[in-house]
Amino acid sequence: MSEQDSVNGQRERTLLRNGKLSIRKVLMRAAMSLARNIVPILLAMVGPVVVLTLISEIFRGEFSVASIAVSYIAMVLLWVGFASVLHARFLDRQHSPPPWRVLIWSRAQLDFLFGILKITGVLILMGVVVGILSFVAGPLAQLVGLVVASFVWSRLAMVFPSASVGKPLALEDSWGLTSHARGRVFVLLGSLYIVSQFYVSLTLSLPLLYGSGWHIHATSAALLFGGAAVVVSILSAAYQGLVEMRPPDVRETYLPQHGSGLADAF
């Protein structure tokens, strides 16, 4: 190792040791992103809400495996398009993808989908383990499993904003990026994961509680994607905060710098 490499390594370690991920700053940045992009967010919501409402009308009163599968797959794919576009808008204001990218995908959104599949696979594996343990430890194991899942998700979730700006991270890279602020990351994103689980369940249950009219399904879909916008804003702000803890000369690894933009991603 050269002397220059040693100096750079020491500088990076010092920066990471002294840097802190401010939860307050993350939340304020997320709120500003939402306020600044309220019109593009609403425009990006139109397509997913209309599509999910039409699907619900087509399968109204039908609870077959096919209807459930179509609805679920459509919801996931629409969420990928919506969330990836918002991540990109929040993280690169100069080269923001247009709202229609929610429905017409780019290669960055495929990387986003792959990230979801990888993390979902990890969480499913964990769920199987917790399910087996629950027979021995009872409900306590389920509670512990939820906390552990929220911790793992919070450490791996940086694959989403990174993919949206054309800088896709492997799961281990996301784990490494969050390693120097894991306590704050867990408090912020772990609690976000738990709240989101209850929020999504409540939102999707609205048609069961208030009827199956198209307006109820449209309201449920709008609330679902409105909540997704909040989650995306917090994830993007946390990602930006973590990147700012890195030395300036390596930030290009995580975010487009100096107006390089998203042209190669979107």
Protein backbone atom coordinates (compact mmCIF):
# COMPACT_ATOMS: atom_id res chain seq x y z
CA MET A 1 0.00 0.00 0.00
CA SER A 2 1.36 3.40 -0.98
CA GLU A 3 1.71 6.28 1.43
CA GLN A 4 -1.06 8.16 -0.39
CA ASP A 5 -3.43 5.19 -0.03
CA SER A 6 -2.63 5.05 3.67
CA VAL A 7 -3.37 8.75 4.08
CA ASN A 8 -6.65 8.44 2.16
CA GLY A 9 -7.67 5.43 4.24
CA GLN A 10 -6.94 7.26 7.48
CA ARG A 11 -8.86 10.32 6.28
CA GLU A 12 -11.88 8.18 5.42
CA ARG A 13 -11.83 6.43 8.80
CA THR A 14 -11.60 9.78 10.59
CA LEU A 15 -14.50 11.20 8.59
CA LEU A 16 -16.70 8.18 9.31
CA ARG A 17 -15.77 8.17 12.99
CA ASN A 18 -16.58 11.85 13.43
CA GLY A 19 -19.63 11.91 11.18
CA LYS A 20 -23.14 11.32 12.46
CA LEU A 21 -26.41 10.61 10.74
CA SER A 22 -28.74 13.26 12.14
CA ILE A 23 -32.27 11.85 12.38
CA ARG A 24 -33.66 15.37 12.67
CA LYS A 25 -31.83 16.46 9.54
CA VAL A 26 -33.02 13.39 7.65
CA LEU A 27 -36.66 14.05 8.57
CA MET A 28 -36.39 17.74 7.68
CA ARG A 29 -34.79 16.90 4.33
CA ALA A 30 -37.52 14.35 3.65
CA ALA A 31 -40.24 16.89 4.47
CA MET A 32 -38.63 19.46 2.16
CA SER A 33 -38.41 16.88 -0.65
CA LEU A 34 -42.11 16.10 -0.30
CA ALA A 35 -43.10 19.76 -0.26
CA ARG A 36 -40.89 20.65 -3.21
CA ASN A 37 -42.17 17.75 -5.33
CA ILE A 38 -45.83 17.67 -4.35
CA VAL A 39 -47.10 18.25 -7.91
CA PRO A 40 -44.86 15.59 -9.56
CA ILE A 41 -45.81 13.17 -6.78
CA LEU A 42 -49.52 13.67 -7.41
CA LEU A 43 -49.01 13.32 -11.17
CA ALA A 44 -46.98 10.13 -10.66
CA MET A 45 -49.77 8.72 -8.48
CA VAL A 46 -52.43 9.06 -11.16
CA GLY A 47 -51.37 6.08 -13.30
CA PRO A 48 -50.93 3.56 -10.45
CA VAL A 49 -54.18 4.61 -8.75
CA VAL A 50 -56.16 4.30 -12.00
CA VAL A 51 -54.64 0.92 -12.87
CA LEU A 52 -55.25 -0.58 -9.42
CA THR A 53 -58.80 0.79 -9.38
CA LEU A 54 -59.53 -0.74 -12.79
CA ILE A 55 -58.14 -4.10 -11.67
CA SER A 56 -60.31 -4.02 -8.56
CA GLU A 57 -63.37 -3.27 -10.71
CA ILE A 58 -62.56 -6.10 -13.11
CA PHE A 59 -62.26 -8.59 -10.25
CA ARG A 60 -64.99 -7.09 -8.05
CA GLY A 61 -66.45 -9.73 -5.77
CA GLU A 62 -64.01 -12.37 -7.01
CA PHE A 63 -61.47 -13.82 -4.58
CA SER A 64 -59.80 -16.43 -6.75
CA VAL A 65 -56.09 -17.18 -6.75
CA ALA A 66 -55.79 -15.53 -10.17
CA SER A 67 -57.40 -12.26 -9.05
CA ILE A 68 -55.26 -12.07 -5.92
CA ALA A 69 -52.09 -12.84 -7.89
CA VAL A 70 -52.83 -10.24 -10.59
CA SER A 71 -53.65 -7.57 -8.02
CA TYR A 72 -50.53 -8.28 -5.97
CA ILE A 73 -48.14 -8.38 -8.93
CA ALA A 74 -49.62 -5.19 -10.37
CA MET A 75 -49.30 -3.44 -7.00
CA VAL A 76 -45.64 -4.44 -6.64
CA LEU A 77 -44.70 -3.42 -10.18
CA LEU A 78 -46.52 -0.08 -9.90
CA TRP A 79 -44.86 0.55 -6.55
CA VAL A 80 -41.44 -0.13 -8.11
CA GLY A 81 -42.07 2.38 -10.88
CA PHE A 82 -43.48 4.99 -8.50
CA ALA A 83 -40.84 4.66 -5.78
CA SER A 84 -37.88 4.56 -8.18
CA VAL A 85 -39.01 7.73 -9.94
CA LEU A 86 -39.43 9.56 -6.63
CA HIS A 87 -36.04 8.40 -5.36
CA ALA A 88 -34.44 9.78 -8.50
CA ARG A 89 -36.31 13.08 -8.22
CA PHE A 90 -35.36 13.50 -4.56
CA LEU A 91 -31.68 12.68 -5.10
CA ASP A 92 -30.97 14.48 -8.39
CA ARG A 93 -33.01 17.66 -8.74
CA GLN A 94 -31.33 18.73 -11.99
CA HIS A 95 -32.03 15.55 -13.94
CA SER A 96 -35.33 14.25 -12.59
CA PRO A 97 -37.18 11.53 -14.52
CA PRO A 98 -40.68 12.48 -15.72
CA PRO A 99 -43.77 11.04 -13.97
CA TRP A 100 -44.60 8.80 -16.93
CA ARG A 101 -41.54 6.72 -16.06
CA VAL A 102 -43.75 5.18 -13.37
CA LEU A 103 -45.37 3.08 -16.10
CA ILE A 104 -42.62 2.94 -18.76
CA TRP A 105 -39.55 1.53 -17.10
CA SER A 106 -35.83 2.10 -17.51
CA ARG A 107 -32.93 -0.16 -16.61
CA ALA A 108 -32.57 1.63 -13.26
CA GLN A 109 -36.05 0.46 -12.33
CA LEU A 110 -35.17 -3.13 -13.19
CA ASP A 111 -32.25 -2.86 -10.75
CA PHE A 112 -34.73 -1.51 -8.22
CA LEU A 113 -36.98 -4.55 -8.75
CA PHE A 114 -34.03 -6.92 -8.36
CA GLY A 115 -33.24 -5.22 -5.06
CA ILE A 116 -36.78 -5.85 -3.84
CA LEU A 117 -36.60 -9.50 -4.85
CA LYS A 118 -33.28 -10.01 -3.06
CA ILE A 119 -34.40 -8.36 0.17
CA THR A 120 -37.76 -10.13 0.05
CA GLY A 121 -35.92 -13.43 -0.28
CA VAL A 122 -33.85 -12.67 2.81
CA LEU A 123 -36.95 -11.67 4.80
CA ILE A 124 -38.88 -14.75 3.67
CA LEU A 125 -36.02 -16.97 4.82
CA MET A 126 -36.06 -15.19 8.15
CA GLY A 127 -39.84 -15.62 8.34
CA VAL A 128 -39.51 -19.37 7.86
CA VAL A 129 -37.00 -19.54 10.71
CA VAL A 130 -39.22 -17.42 12.97
CA GLY A 131 -42.25 -19.53 12.03
CA ILE A 132 -40.43 -22.66 13.17
CA LEU A 133 -39.27 -21.00 16.39
CA SER A 134 -42.78 -19.70 17.14
CA PHE A 135 -43.92 -23.26 17.77
CA VAL A 136 -41.38 -23.38 20.59
CA ALA A 137 -41.29 -19.82 21.93
CA GLY A 138 -44.83 -18.74 21.02
CA PRO A 139 -45.83 -15.13 20.22
CA LEU A 140 -42.58 -13.82 21.69
CA ALA A 141 -40.67 -15.28 18.75
CA GLN A 142 -42.95 -13.44 16.32
CA LEU A 143 -42.28 -10.13 18.08
CA VAL A 144 -38.53 -10.78 18.07
CA GLY A 145 -38.78 -11.76 14.40
CA LEU A 146 -40.47 -8.48 13.53
CA VAL A 147 -37.75 -6.49 15.30
CA VAL A 148 -34.98 -8.50 13.62
CA ALA A 149 -36.67 -8.13 10.22
CA SER A 150 -36.90 -4.36 10.72
CA PHE A 151 -33.20 -4.26 11.59
CA VAL A 152 -32.19 -6.28 8.53
CA TRP A 153 -34.46 -4.24 6.22
CA SER A 154 -33.07 -0.97 7.56
CA ARG A 155 -29.51 -2.12 6.83
CA LEU A 156 -30.31 -3.39 3.32
CA ALA A 157 -32.79 -0.72 2.15
CA MET A 158 -30.09 1.51 0.65
CA VAL A 159 -30.19 -0.69 -2.45
CA PHE A 160 -33.41 1.14 -3.44
CA PRO A 161 -32.24 4.76 -3.69
CA SER A 162 -28.88 3.67 -5.08
CA ALA A 163 -30.50 1.71 -7.93
CA SER A 164 -32.73 4.68 -8.75
CA VAL A 165 -29.75 6.92 -9.45
CA GLY A 166 -27.91 4.36 -11.55
CA LYS A 167 -25.54 3.33 -8.74
CA PRO A 168 -26.94 -0.09 -7.75
CA LEU A 169 -25.47 -1.56 -4.58
CA ALA A 170 -25.18 -5.20 -3.65
CA LEU A 171 -26.79 -6.18 -0.36
CA GLU A 172 -23.42 -6.32 1.36
CA ASP A 173 -22.62 -2.81 0.08
CA SER A 174 -25.81 -1.45 1.61
CA TRP A 175 -24.93 -3.21 4.85
CA GLY A 176 -21.48 -1.62 4.75
CA LEU A 177 -22.81 1.86 3.95
CA THR A 178 -25.05 1.77 7.02
CA SER A 179 -22.49 0.13 9.32
CA HIS A 180 -21.10 3.39 10.71
CA ALA A 181 -24.54 4.63 11.75
CA ARG A 182 -26.36 1.37 12.40
CA GLY A 183 -27.96 2.52 15.66
CA ARG A 184 -29.51 5.63 14.13
CA VAL A 185 -30.37 3.76 10.94
CA PHE A 186 -32.22 1.13 12.97
CA VAL A 187 -34.10 3.72 15.03
CA LEU A 188 -35.14 5.68 11.94
CA LEU A 189 -35.64 3.05 9.26
CA GLY A 190 -36.46 0.11 11.49
CA SER A 191 -39.37 1.99 13.05
CA LEU A 192 -40.38 3.12 9.55
CA TYR A 193 -40.51 -0.52 8.47
CA ILE A 194 -42.74 -1.53 11.39
CA VAL A 195 -45.11 1.41 10.94
CA SER A 196 -45.28 0.71 7.20
CA GLN A 197 -46.33 -2.89 7.81
CA PHE A 198 -49.34 -1.79 9.85
CA TYR A 199 -50.11 1.11 7.49
CA VAL A 200 -50.18 -1.09 4.38
CA SER A 201 -52.37 -3.70 6.10
CA LEU A 202 -54.83 -1.02 7.23
CA THR A 203 -54.91 0.66 3.81
CA LEU A 204 -55.52 -2.57 1.91
CA SER A 205 -58.32 -3.53 4.32
CA LEU A 206 -60.41 -0.41 3.54
CA PRO A 207 -62.52 -2.18 0.85
CA LEU A 208 -63.34 -4.91 3.38
CA LEU A 209 -64.36 -2.34 5.99
CA TYR A 210 -66.25 0.20 3.88
CA GLY A 211 -67.44 -1.68 0.82
CA SER A 212 -66.12 -2.55 -2.63
CA GLY A 213 -67.11 0.58 -4.58
CA TRP A 214 -64.61 1.98 -7.04
CA HIS A 215 -64.17 5.13 -4.96
CA ILE A 216 -63.12 3.05 -1.94
CA HIS A 217 -60.57 1.17 -4.02
CA ALA A 218 -59.29 4.45 -5.48
CA THR A 219 -58.96 5.93 -1.98
CA SER A 220 -57.13 2.83 -0.77
CA ALA A 221 -54.70 3.00 -3.71
CA ALA A 222 -54.15 6.75 -3.24
CA LEU A 223 -53.37 6.25 0.44
CA LEU A 224 -51.05 3.36 -0.42
CA PHE A 225 -48.97 5.43 -2.83
CA GLY A 226 -49.16 8.52 -0.66
CA GLY A 227 -47.62 6.50 2.16
CA ALA A 228 -45.04 5.16 -0.27
CA ALA A 229 -44.01 8.73 -1.10
CA VAL A 230 -43.32 9.37 2.59
CA VAL A 231 -41.27 6.18 2.91
CA VAL A 232 -39.30 7.01 -0.24
CA SER A 233 -38.56 10.54 0.95
CA ILE A 234 -37.15 9.26 4.25
CA LEU A 235 -35.10 6.54 2.55
CA SER A 236 -33.69 9.04 0.05
CA ALA A 237 -32.82 11.52 2.80
CA ALA A 238 -31.16 8.80 4.88
CA TYR A 239 -29.19 7.62 1.84
CA GLN A 240 -28.03 11.15 1.11
CA GLY A 241 -27.02 11.63 4.74
CA LEU A 242 -25.02 8.40 4.73
CA VAL A 243 -23.31 9.34 1.48
CA GLU A 244 -22.33 12.71 2.94
CA MET A 245 -20.45 10.84 5.67
CA ARG A 246 -18.17 9.41 2.98
CA PRO A 247 -15.11 11.32 1.68
CA PRO A 248 -15.94 13.72 -1.17
CA ASP A 249 -13.76 11.82 -3.64
CA VAL A 250 -15.81 8.60 -3.30
CA ARG A 251 -19.31 10.05 -3.21
CA GLU A 252 -19.60 9.59 -6.98
CA THR A 253 -19.79 5.87 -6.18
CA TYR A 254 -23.16 6.46 -4.55
CA LEU A 255 -24.64 9.60 -6.10
CA PRO A 256 -24.26 11.50 -9.39
CA GLN A 257 -21.98 14.45 -8.72
CA HIS A 258 -21.44 17.82 -10.39
CA GLY A 259 -24.46 17.57 -12.66
CA SER A 260 -23.58 14.16 -14.10
CA GLY A 261 -27.29 13.42 -13.99
CA LEU A 262 -29.39 10.34 -14.54
CA ALA A 263 -29.28 10.24 -18.32
CA ASP A 264 -27.48 6.88 -18.27
CA ALA A 265 -29.98 5.45 -15.78
CA PHE A 266 -33.33 6.85 -16.90
